Amino acid sequence: MFTENLLFYKEESLIMAFIDTIKERAKADKKTIVLPESMDKRTYEAAEKILKEGIANLVIIGTPEEIEKYGKGYDISGATIVDPFNDLISRSILINSLS
């Protein structure tokens, strides 16, 4: 039993070390991620974590109503918000950030 637990914790440590390495590499070569599913709370959970850790620049596509309703309680202040129906300037920023 002890050996199994020890192996489990060792494996967990290796996985976490691998994830930490990937995060550090992402921070060193920051990219832009576009999150189009603004009606899914998981989008905001992920966005908040990514922004907090400084892993990537974020663009969330959604209407102001969607962002307000589903993003309530999440700190996404560092994300660029693009309203796909009304915001020509943000669409231009989005297109340029992906070029």
PDB file of N, CA and C in Angstrom:
ATOM      1  N   MET A   1       0.821  -1.190   0.000  1.00  0.00           N
ATOM      2  CA  MET A   1       0.000   0.000   0.000  1.00  0.00           C
ATOM      3  C   MET A   1       0.870   1.260   0.000  1.00  0.00           C
ATOM      4  N   PHE A   2       1.890   1.294   0.845  1.00  0.00           N
ATOM      5  CA  PHE A   2       2.783   2.441   0.927  1.00  0.00           C
ATOM      6  C   PHE A   2       3.474   2.690  -0.411  1.00  0.00           C
ATOM      7  N   THR A   3       3.953   1.624  -1.030  1.00  0.00           N
ATOM      8  CA  THR A   3       4.645   1.740  -2.314  1.00  0.00           C
ATOM      9  C   THR A   3       3.714   2.291  -3.385  1.00  0.00           C
ATOM     10  N   GLU A   4       2.470   1.824  -3.406  1.00  0.00           N
ATOM     11  CA  GLU A   4       1.496   2.328  -4.386  1.00  0.00           C
ATOM     12  C   GLU A   4       1.253   3.818  -4.186  1.00  0.00           C
ATOM     13  N   ASN A   5       1.095   4.241  -2.933  1.00  0.00           N
ATOM     14  CA  ASN A   5       0.888   5.663  -2.644  1.00  0.00           C
ATOM     15  C   ASN A   5       2.098   6.492  -3.058  1.00  0.00           C
ATOM     16  N   LEU A   6       3.272   5.974  -2.782  1.00  0.00           N
ATOM     17  CA  LEU A   6       4.497   6.675  -3.139  1.00  0.00           C
ATOM     18  C   LEU A   6       4.590   6.845  -4.659  1.00  0.00           C
ATOM     19  N   LEU A   7       4.280   5.792  -5.394  1.00  0.00           N
ATOM     20  CA  LEU A   7       4.303   5.869  -6.852  1.00  0.00           C
ATOM     21  C   LEU A   7       3.265   6.861  -7.366  1.00  0.00           C
ATOM     22  N   PHE A   8       2.089   6.873  -6.758  1.00  0.00           N
ATOM     23  CA  PHE A   8       1.034   7.806  -7.162  1.00  0.00           C
ATOM     24  C   PHE A   8       1.507   9.246  -6.975  1.00  0.00           C
ATOM     25  N   TYR A   9       2.078   9.561  -5.822  1.00  0.00           N
ATOM     26  CA  TYR A   9       2.528  10.924  -5.555  1.00  0.00           C
ATOM     27  C   TYR A   9       3.687  11.322  -6.453  1.00  0.00           C
ATOM     28  N   LYS A  10       4.555  10.368  -6.759  1.00  0.00           N
ATOM     29  CA  LYS A  10       5.669  10.648  -7.656  1.00  0.00           C
ATOM     30  C   LYS A  10       5.144  10.955  -9.065  1.00  0.00           C
ATOM     31  N   GLU A  11       4.165  10.183  -9.509  1.00  0.00           N
ATOM     32  CA  GLU A  11       3.565  10.408 -10.819  1.00  0.00           C
ATOM     33  C   GLU A  11       2.871  11.766 -10.858  1.00  0.00           C
ATOM     34  N   GLU A  12       2.129  12.093  -9.805  1.00  0.00           N
ATOM     35  CA  GLU A  12       1.461  13.399  -9.705  1.00  0.00           C
ATOM     36  C   GLU A  12       2.479  14.535  -9.792  1.00  0.00           C
ATOM     37  N   SER A  13       3.605  14.384  -9.112  1.00  0.00           N
ATOM     38  CA  SER A  13       4.644  15.409  -9.124  1.00  0.00           C
ATOM     39  C   SER A  13       5.213  15.598 -10.523  1.00  0.00           C
ATOM     40  N   LEU A  14       5.413  14.505 -11.230  1.00  0.00           N
ATOM     41  CA  LEU A  14       5.922  14.589 -12.598  1.00  0.00           C
ATOM     42  C   LEU A  14       4.927  15.291 -13.521  1.00  0.00           C
ATOM     43  N   ILE A  15       3.655  14.988 -13.367  1.00  0.00           N
ATOM     44  CA  ILE A  15       2.619  15.626 -14.184  1.00  0.00           C
ATOM     45  C   ILE A  15       2.582  17.122 -13.909  1.00  0.00           C
ATOM     46  N   MET A  16       2.606  17.503 -12.631  1.00  0.00           N
ATOM     47  CA  MET A  16       2.565  18.917 -12.284  1.00  0.00           C
ATOM     48  C   MET A  16       3.807  19.646 -12.790  1.00  0.00           C
ATOM     49  N   ALA A  17       4.952  19.007 -12.719  1.00  0.00           N
ATOM     50  CA  ALA A  17       6.183  19.610 -13.228  1.00  0.00           C
ATOM     51  C   ALA A  17       6.083  19.823 -14.735  1.00  0.00           C
ATOM     52  N   PHE A  18       5.506  18.863 -15.430  1.00  0.00           N
ATOM     53  CA  PHE A  18       5.313  18.980 -16.877  1.00  0.00           C
ATOM     54  C   PHE A  18       4.383  20.148 -17.200  1.00  0.00           C
ATOM     55  N   ILE A  19       3.269  20.252 -16.470  1.00  0.00           N
ATOM     56  CA  ILE A  19       2.313  21.347 -16.683  1.00  0.00           C
ATOM     57  C   ILE A  19       2.980  22.692 -16.397  1.00  0.00           C
ATOM     58  N   ASP A  20       3.751  22.770 -15.341  1.00  0.00           N
ATOM     59  CA  ASP A  20       4.465  24.014 -15.016  1.00  0.00           C
ATOM     60  C   ASP A  20       5.429  24.401 -16.131  1.00  0.00           C
ATOM     61  N   THR A  21       6.106  23.429 -16.713  1.00  0.00           N
ATOM     62  CA  THR A  21       7.025  23.686 -17.820  1.00  0.00           C
ATOM     63  C   THR A  21       6.278  24.245 -19.027  1.00  0.00           C
ATOM     64  N   ILE A  22       5.139  23.663 -19.341  1.00  0.00           N
ATOM     65  CA  ILE A  22       4.330  24.137 -20.476  1.00  0.00           C
ATOM     66  C   ILE A  22       3.868  25.570 -20.225  1.00  0.00           C
ATOM     67  N   LYS A  23       3.421  25.858 -19.000  1.00  0.00           N
ATOM     68  CA  LYS A  23       2.968  27.215 -18.667  1.00  0.00           C
ATOM     69  C   LYS A  23       4.107  28.223 -18.813  1.00  0.00           C
ATOM     70  N   GLU A  24       5.277  27.878 -18.342  1.00  0.00           N
ATOM     71  CA  GLU A  24       6.430  28.786 -18.446  1.00  0.00           C
ATOM     72  C   GLU A  24       6.802  29.045 -19.903  1.00  0.00           C
ATOM     73  N   ARG A  25       6.739  28.022 -20.722  1.00  0.00           N
ATOM     74  CA  ARG A  25       7.026  28.198 -22.148  1.00  0.00           C
ATOM     75  C   ARG A  25       5.986  29.094 -22.806  1.00  0.00           C
ATOM     76  N   ALA A  26       4.724  28.940 -22.401  1.00  0.00           N
ATOM     77  CA  ALA A  26       3.649  29.784 -22.954  1.00  0.00           C
ATOM     78  C   ALA A  26       3.850  31.245 -22.550  1.00  0.00           C
ATOM     79  N   LYS A  27       4.239  31.477 -21.309  1.00  0.00           N
ATOM     80  CA  LYS A  27       4.486  32.849 -20.840  1.00  0.00           C
ATOM     81  C   LYS A  27       5.642  33.494 -21.595  1.00  0.00           C
ATOM     82  N   ALA A  28       6.658  32.698 -21.897  1.00  0.00           N
ATOM     83  CA  ALA A  28       7.843  33.213 -22.576  1.00  0.00           C
ATOM     84  C   ALA A  28       7.565  33.582 -24.027  1.00  0.00           C
ATOM     85  N   ASP A  29       6.583  32.955 -24.633  1.00  0.00           N
ATOM     86  CA  ASP A  29       6.233  33.212 -26.043  1.00  0.00           C
ATOM     87  C   ASP A  29       4.722  33.420 -26.119  1.00  0.00           C
ATOM     88  N   LYS A  30       4.265  34.505 -25.506  1.00  0.00           N
ATOM     89  CA  LYS A  30       2.835  34.767 -25.324  1.00  0.00           C
ATOM     90  C   LYS A  30       2.106  34.876 -26.664  1.00  0.00           C
ATOM     91  N   LYS A  31       1.038  34.122 -26.788  1.00  0.00           N
ATOM     92  CA  LYS A  31       0.185  34.111 -27.975  1.00  0.00           C
ATOM     93  C   LYS A  31      -1.197  34.651 -27.609  1.00  0.00           C
ATOM     94  N   THR A  32      -2.034  34.812 -28.618  1.00  0.00           N
ATOM     95  CA  THR A  32      -3.415  35.245 -28.398  1.00  0.00           C
ATOM     96  C   THR A  32      -4.346  34.065 -28.598  1.00  0.00           C
ATOM     97  N   ILE A  33      -5.232  33.860 -27.639  1.00  0.00           N
ATOM     98  CA  ILE A  33      -6.238  32.807 -27.717  1.00  0.00           C
ATOM     99  C   ILE A  33      -7.599  33.470 -27.871  1.00  0.00           C
ATOM    100  N   VAL A  34      -8.384  32.994 -28.817  1.00  0.00           N
ATOM    101  CA  VAL A  34      -9.734  33.505 -29.029  1.00  0.00           C
ATOM    102  C   VAL A  34     -10.722  32.502 -28.447  1.00  0.00           C
ATOM    103  N   LEU A  35     -11.582  32.993 -27.547  1.00  0.00           N
ATOM    104  CA  LEU A  35     -12.593  32.150 -26.909  1.00  0.00           C
ATOM    105  C   LEU A  35     -13.965  32.555 -27.440  1.00  0.00           C
ATOM    106  N   PRO A  36     -14.547  31.756 -28.328  1.00  0.00           N
ATOM    107  CA  PRO A  36     -15.798  32.145 -28.973  1.00  0.00           C
ATOM    108  C   PRO A  36     -17.069  31.739 -28.222  1.00  0.00           C
ATOM    109  N   GLU A  37     -16.956  30.966 -27.184  1.00  0.00           N
ATOM    110  CA  GLU A  37     -18.158  30.446 -26.516  1.00  0.00           C
ATOM    111  C   GLU A  37     -18.494  31.276 -25.286  1.00  0.00           C
ATOM    112  N   SER A  38     -19.019  32.464 -25.509  1.00  0.00           N
ATOM    113  CA  SER A  38     -19.252  33.408 -24.413  1.00  0.00           C
ATOM    114  C   SER A  38     -20.478  33.069 -23.574  1.00  0.00           C
ATOM    115  N   MET A  39     -21.207  32.032 -23.942  1.00  0.00           N
ATOM    116  CA  MET A  39     -22.375  31.635 -23.150  1.00  0.00           C
ATOM    117  C   MET A  39     -22.066  30.419 -22.277  1.00  0.00           C
ATOM    118  N   ASP A  40     -20.801  30.067 -22.168  1.00  0.00           N
ATOM    119  CA  ASP A  40     -20.375  28.918 -21.374  1.00  0.00           C
ATOM    120  C   ASP A  40     -19.513  29.411 -20.215  1.00  0.00           C
ATOM    121  N   LYS A  41     -19.940  29.167 -19.000  1.00  0.00           N
ATOM    122  CA  LYS A  41     -19.197  29.639 -17.813  1.00  0.00           C
ATOM    123  C   LYS A  41     -17.772  29.091 -17.778  1.00  0.00           C
ATOM    124  N   ARG A  42     -17.558  27.935 -18.375  1.00  0.00           N
ATOM    125  CA  ARG A  42     -16.197  27.375 -18.394  1.00  0.00           C
ATOM    126  C   ARG A  42     -15.235  28.292 -19.145  1.00  0.00           C
ATOM    127  N   THR A  43     -15.768  29.035 -20.116  1.00  0.00           N
ATOM    128  CA  THR A  43     -14.954  30.001 -20.845  1.00  0.00           C
ATOM    129  C   THR A  43     -14.383  31.031 -19.878  1.00  0.00           C
ATOM    130  N   TYR A  44     -15.215  31.523 -18.976  1.00  0.00           N
ATOM    131  CA  TYR A  44     -14.791  32.555 -18.035  1.00  0.00           C
ATOM    132  C   TYR A  44     -13.877  31.998 -16.953  1.00  0.00           C
ATOM    133  N   GLU A  45     -14.120  30.767 -16.544  1.00  0.00           N
ATOM    134  CA  GLU A  45     -13.231  30.119 -15.581  1.00  0.00           C
ATOM    135  C   GLU A  45     -11.828  30.007 -16.177  1.00  0.00           C
ATOM    136  N   ALA A  46     -11.765  29.541 -17.412  1.00  0.00           N
ATOM    137  CA  ALA A  46     -10.469  29.390 -18.087  1.00  0.00           C
ATOM    138  C   ALA A  46      -9.826  30.750 -18.333  1.00  0.00           C
ATOM    139  N   ALA A  47     -10.629  31.714 -18.779  1.00  0.00           N
ATOM    140  CA  ALA A  47     -10.100  33.045 -19.060  1.00  0.00           C
ATOM    141  C   ALA A  47      -9.484  33.665 -17.817  1.00  0.00           C
ATOM    142  N   GLU A  48     -10.177  33.562 -16.709  1.00  0.00           N
ATOM    143  CA  GLU A  48      -9.671  34.141 -15.466  1.00  0.00           C
ATOM    144  C   GLU A  48      -8.336  33.509 -15.074  1.00  0.00           C
ATOM    145  N   LYS A  49      -8.230  32.193 -15.188  1.00  0.00           N
ATOM    146  CA  LYS A  49      -6.989  31.498 -14.833  1.00  0.00           C
ATOM    147  C   LYS A  49      -5.852  31.887 -15.775  1.00  0.00           C
ATOM    148  N   ILE A  50      -6.139  31.916 -17.065  1.00  0.00           N
ATOM    149  CA  ILE A  50      -5.114  32.252 -18.064  1.00  0.00           C
ATOM    150  C   ILE A  50      -4.603  33.663 -17.842  1.00  0.00           C
ATOM    151  N   LEU A  51      -5.524  34.612 -17.610  1.00  0.00           N
ATOM    152  CA  LEU A  51      -5.125  35.995 -17.391  1.00  0.00           C
ATOM    153  C   LEU A  51      -4.358  36.158 -16.080  1.00  0.00           C
ATOM    154  N   LYS A  52      -4.808  35.489 -15.049  1.00  0.00           N
ATOM    155  CA  LYS A  52      -4.155  35.586 -13.742  1.00  0.00           C
ATOM    156  C   LYS A  52      -2.716  35.080 -13.812  1.00  0.00           C
ATOM    157  N   GLU A  53      -2.510  33.996 -14.557  1.00  0.00           N
ATOM    158  CA  GLU A  53      -1.173  33.409 -14.661  1.00  0.00           C
ATOM    159  C   GLU A  53      -0.329  34.047 -15.767  1.00  0.00           C
ATOM    160  N   GLY A  54      -0.948  34.908 -16.591  1.00  0.00           N
ATOM    161  CA  GLY A  54      -0.206  35.582 -17.650  1.00  0.00           C
ATOM    162  C   GLY A  54       0.250  34.659 -18.760  1.00  0.00           C
ATOM    163  N   ILE A  55      -0.523  33.625 -19.021  1.00  0.00           N
ATOM    164  CA  ILE A  55      -0.131  32.604 -19.991  1.00  0.00           C
ATOM    165  C   ILE A  55      -0.331  33.062 -21.430  1.00  0.00           C
ATOM    166  N   ALA A  56      -1.383  33.850 -21.680  1.00  0.00           N
ATOM    167  CA  ALA A  56      -1.698  34.268 -23.051  1.00  0.00           C
ATOM    168  C   ALA A  56      -2.543  35.529 -23.029  1.00  0.00           C
ATOM    169  N   ASN A  57      -2.601  36.196 -24.177  1.00  0.00           N
ATOM    170  CA  ASN A  57      -3.552  37.281 -24.381  1.00  0.00           C
ATOM    171  C   ASN A  57      -4.869  36.632 -24.769  1.00  0.00           C
ATOM    172  N   LEU A  58      -5.983  37.227 -24.353  1.00  0.00           N
ATOM    173  CA  LEU A  58      -7.279  36.618 -24.636  1.00  0.00           C
ATOM    174  C   LEU A  58      -8.220  37.563 -25.360  1.00  0.00           C
ATOM    175  N   VAL A  59      -8.984  36.980 -26.265  1.00  0.00           N
ATOM    176  CA  VAL A  59     -10.090  37.665 -26.923  1.00  0.00           C
ATOM    177  C   VAL A  59     -11.321  36.811 -26.665  1.00  0.00           C
ATOM    178  N   ILE A  60     -12.361  37.444 -26.103  1.00  0.00           N
ATOM    179  CA  ILE A  60     -13.628  36.742 -25.886  1.00  0.00           C
ATOM    180  C   ILE A  60     -14.644  37.337 -26.843  1.00  0.00           C
ATOM    181  N   ILE A  61     -15.261  36.485 -27.647  1.00  0.00           N
ATOM    182  CA  ILE A  61     -16.257  36.941 -28.606  1.00  0.00           C
ATOM    183  C   ILE A  61     -17.637  36.767 -27.992  1.00  0.00           C
ATOM    184  N   GLY A  62     -18.375  37.871 -27.909  1.00  0.00           N
ATOM    185  CA  GLY A  62     -19.723  37.796 -27.345  1.00  0.00           C
ATOM    186  C   GLY A  62     -20.357  39.162 -27.241  1.00  0.00           C
ATOM    187  N   THR A  63     -21.646  39.168 -27.127  1.00  0.00           N
ATOM    188  CA  THR A  63     -22.368  40.432 -26.971  1.00  0.00           C
ATOM    189  C   THR A  63     -22.183  40.938 -25.544  1.00  0.00           C
ATOM    190  N   PRO A  64     -22.367  42.231 -25.331  1.00  0.00           N
ATOM    191  CA  PRO A  64     -22.261  42.755 -23.965  1.00  0.00           C
ATOM    192  C   PRO A  64     -23.215  42.046 -22.997  1.00  0.00           C
ATOM    193  N   GLU A  65     -24.378  41.678 -23.466  1.00  0.00           N
ATOM    194  CA  GLU A  65     -25.351  40.983 -22.620  1.00  0.00           C
ATOM    195  C   GLU A  65     -24.846  39.602 -22.214  1.00  0.00           C
ATOM    196  N   GLU A  66     -24.257  38.875 -23.154  1.00  0.00           N
ATOM    197  CA  GLU A  66     -23.702  37.553 -22.846  1.00  0.00           C
ATOM    198  C   GLU A  66     -22.546  37.662 -21.854  1.00  0.00           C
ATOM    199  N   ILE A  67     -21.660  38.611 -22.100  1.00  0.00           N
ATOM    200  CA  ILE A  67     -20.498  38.796 -21.241  1.00  0.00           C
ATOM    201  C   ILE A  67     -20.948  39.138 -19.818  1.00  0.00           C
ATOM    202  N   GLU A  68     -21.908  40.043 -19.703  1.00  0.00           N
ATOM    203  CA  GLU A  68     -22.393  40.445 -18.386  1.00  0.00           C
ATOM    204  C   GLU A  68     -23.083  39.298 -17.659  1.00  0.00           C
ATOM    205  N   LYS A  69     -23.912  38.556 -18.385  1.00  0.00           N
ATOM    206  CA  LYS A  69     -24.681  37.473 -17.769  1.00  0.00           C
ATOM    207  C   LYS A  69     -23.792  36.297 -17.349  1.00  0.00           C
ATOM    208  N   TYR A  70     -23.003  35.808 -18.266  1.00  0.00           N
ATOM    209  CA  TYR A  70     -22.245  34.585 -18.002  1.00  0.00           C
ATOM    210  C   TYR A  70     -20.883  34.841 -17.359  1.00  0.00           C
ATOM    211  N   GLY A  71     -20.346  36.051 -17.531  1.00  0.00           N
ATOM    212  CA  GLY A  71     -19.031  36.363 -16.976  1.00  0.00           C
ATOM    213  C   GLY A  71     -19.084  36.985 -15.597  1.00  0.00           C
ATOM    214  N   LYS A  72     -20.280  37.125 -15.069  1.00  0.00           N
ATOM    215  CA  LYS A  72     -20.438  37.758 -13.753  1.00  0.00           C
ATOM    216  C   LYS A  72     -19.659  36.987 -12.683  1.00  0.00           C
ATOM    217  N   GLY A  73     -18.851  37.734 -11.912  1.00  0.00           N
ATOM    218  CA  GLY A  73     -18.083  37.111 -10.839  1.00  0.00           C
ATOM    219  C   GLY A  73     -16.686  36.674 -11.256  1.00  0.00           C
ATOM    220  N   TYR A  74     -16.361  36.768 -12.538  1.00  0.00           N
ATOM    221  CA  TYR A  74     -15.035  36.379 -13.018  1.00  0.00           C
ATOM    222  C   TYR A  74     -14.246  37.627 -13.389  1.00  0.00           C
ATOM    223  N   ASP A  75     -12.964  37.650 -13.063  1.00  0.00           N
ATOM    224  CA  ASP A  75     -12.117  38.778 -13.434  1.00  0.00           C
ATOM    225  C   ASP A  75     -11.523  38.521 -14.809  1.00  0.00           C
ATOM    226  N   ILE A  76     -12.142  39.125 -15.799  1.00  0.00           N
ATOM    227  CA  ILE A  76     -11.662  38.993 -17.181  1.00  0.00           C
ATOM    228  C   ILE A  76     -11.237  40.361 -17.707  1.00  0.00           C
ATOM    229  N   SER A  77     -10.881  41.247 -16.791  1.00  0.00           N
ATOM    230  CA  SER A  77     -10.560  42.628 -17.154  1.00  0.00           C
ATOM    231  C   SER A  77      -9.389  42.742 -18.132  1.00  0.00           C
ATOM    232  N   GLY A  78      -8.526  41.759 -18.206  1.00  0.00           N
ATOM    233  CA  GLY A  78      -7.404  41.809 -19.133  1.00  0.00           C
ATOM    234  C   GLY A  78      -7.715  41.294 -20.530  1.00  0.00           C
ATOM    235  N   ALA A  79      -8.928  40.815 -20.733  1.00  0.00           N
ATOM    236  CA  ALA A  79      -9.303  40.255 -22.043  1.00  0.00           C
ATOM    237  C   ALA A  79      -9.852  41.345 -22.962  1.00  0.00           C
ATOM    238  N   THR A  80      -9.664  41.143 -24.251  1.00  0.00           N
ATOM    239  CA  THR A  80     -10.303  41.997 -25.250  1.00  0.00           C
ATOM    240  C   THR A  80     -11.654  41.372 -25.559  1.00  0.00           C
ATOM    241  N   ILE A  81     -12.705  42.183 -25.499  1.00  0.00           N
ATOM    242  CA  ILE A  81     -14.056  41.704 -25.770  1.00  0.00           C
ATOM    243  C   ILE A  81     -14.456  42.172 -27.163  1.00  0.00           C
ATOM    244  N   VAL A  82     -14.931  41.248 -27.980  1.00  0.00           N
ATOM    245  CA  VAL A  82     -15.364  41.571 -29.335  1.00  0.00           C
ATOM    246  C   VAL A  82     -16.833  41.211 -29.472  1.00  0.00           C
ATOM    247  N   ASP A  83     -17.646  42.228 -29.744  1.00  0.00           N
ATOM    248  CA  ASP A  83     -19.065  42.017 -30.039  1.00  0.00           C
ATOM    249  C   ASP A  83     -19.156  41.732 -31.537  1.00  0.00           C
ATOM    250  N   PRO A  84     -19.455  40.505 -31.925  1.00  0.00           N
ATOM    251  CA  PRO A  84     -19.411  40.142 -33.343  1.00  0.00           C
ATOM    252  C   PRO A  84     -20.471  40.832 -34.195  1.00  0.00           C
ATOM    253  N   PHE A  85     -21.463  41.426 -33.562  1.00  0.00           N
ATOM    254  CA  PHE A  85     -22.546  42.043 -34.319  1.00  0.00           C
ATOM    255  C   PHE A  85     -22.386  43.547 -34.486  1.00  0.00           C
ATOM    256  N   ASN A  86     -21.707  44.208 -33.551  1.00  0.00           N
ATOM    257  CA  ASN A  86     -21.713  45.672 -33.553  1.00  0.00           C
ATOM    258  C   ASN A  86     -20.362  46.349 -33.478  1.00  0.00           C
ATOM    259  N   ASP A  87     -19.304  45.649 -33.270  1.00  0.00           N
ATOM    260  CA  ASP A  87     -18.031  46.285 -32.965  1.00  0.00           C
ATOM    261  C   ASP A  87     -17.029  46.115 -34.096  1.00  0.00           C
ATOM    262  N   LEU A  88     -17.058  47.026 -35.057  1.00  0.00           N
ATOM    263  CA  LEU A  88     -16.157  46.938 -36.203  1.00  0.00           C
ATOM    264  C   LEU A  88     -14.703  47.157 -35.800  1.00  0.00           C
ATOM    265  N   ILE A  89     -14.459  48.046 -34.832  1.00  0.00           N
ATOM    266  CA  ILE A  89     -13.088  48.309 -34.390  1.00  0.00           C
ATOM    267  C   ILE A  89     -12.500  47.070 -33.727  1.00  0.00           C
ATOM    268  N   SER A  90     -13.263  46.445 -32.858  1.00  0.00           N
ATOM    269  CA  SER A  90     -12.751  45.237 -32.191  1.00  0.00           C
ATOM    270  C   SER A  90     -12.551  44.107 -33.187  1.00  0.00           C
ATOM    271  N   ARG A  91     -13.421  44.013 -34.189  1.00  0.00           N
ATOM    272  CA  ARG A  91     -13.216  42.991 -35.225  1.00  0.00           C
ATOM    273  C   ARG A  91     -11.880  43.221 -35.922  1.00  0.00           C
ATOM    274  N   SER A  92     -11.569  44.490 -36.185  1.00  0.00           N
ATOM    275  CA  SER A  92     -10.301  44.818 -36.815  1.00  0.00           C
ATOM    276  C   SER A  92      -9.128  44.424 -35.920  1.00  0.00           C
ATOM    277  N   ILE A  93      -9.247  44.697 -34.597  1.00  0.00           N
ATOM    278  CA  ILE A  93      -8.191  44.307 -33.647  1.00  0.00           C
ATOM    279  C   ILE A  93      -8.031  42.796 -33.660  1.00  0.00           C
ATOM    280  N   LEU A  94      -9.148  42.069 -33.653  1.00  0.00           N
ATOM    281  CA  LEU A  94      -9.109  40.617 -33.666  1.00  0.00           C
ATOM    282  C   LEU A  94      -8.395  40.107 -34.917  1.00  0.00           C
ATOM    283  N   ILE A  95      -8.752  40.621 -36.051  1.00  0.00           N
ATOM    284  CA  ILE A  95      -8.138  40.187 -37.310  1.00  0.00           C
ATOM    285  C   ILE A  95      -6.640  40.462 -37.290  1.00  0.00           C
ATOM    286  N   ASN A  96      -6.249  41.647 -36.817  1.00  0.00           N
ATOM    287  CA  ASN A  96      -4.828  41.991 -36.774  1.00  0.00           C
ATOM    288  C   ASN A  96      -4.065  41.144 -35.765  1.00  0.00           C
ATOM    289  N   SER A  97      -4.685  40.797 -34.646  1.00  0.00           N
ATOM    290  CA  SER A  97      -3.982  39.997 -33.629  1.00  0.00           C
ATOM    291  C   SER A  97      -3.749  38.574 -34.094  1.00  0.00           C
ATOM    292  N   LEU A  98      -4.552  38.110 -35.021  1.00  0.00           N
ATOM    293  CA  LEU A  98      -4.389  36.749 -35.523  1.00  0.00           C
ATOM    294  C   LEU A  98      -3.480  36.668 -36.730  1.00  0.00           C
ATOM    295  N   SER A  99      -3.092  37.816 -37.257  1.00  0.00           N
ATOM    296  CA  SER A  99      -2.221  37.831 -38.455  1.00  0.00           C
ATOM    297  C   SER A  99      -0.805  37.516 -38.111  1.00  0.00           C
TER     298      SER A  99
END
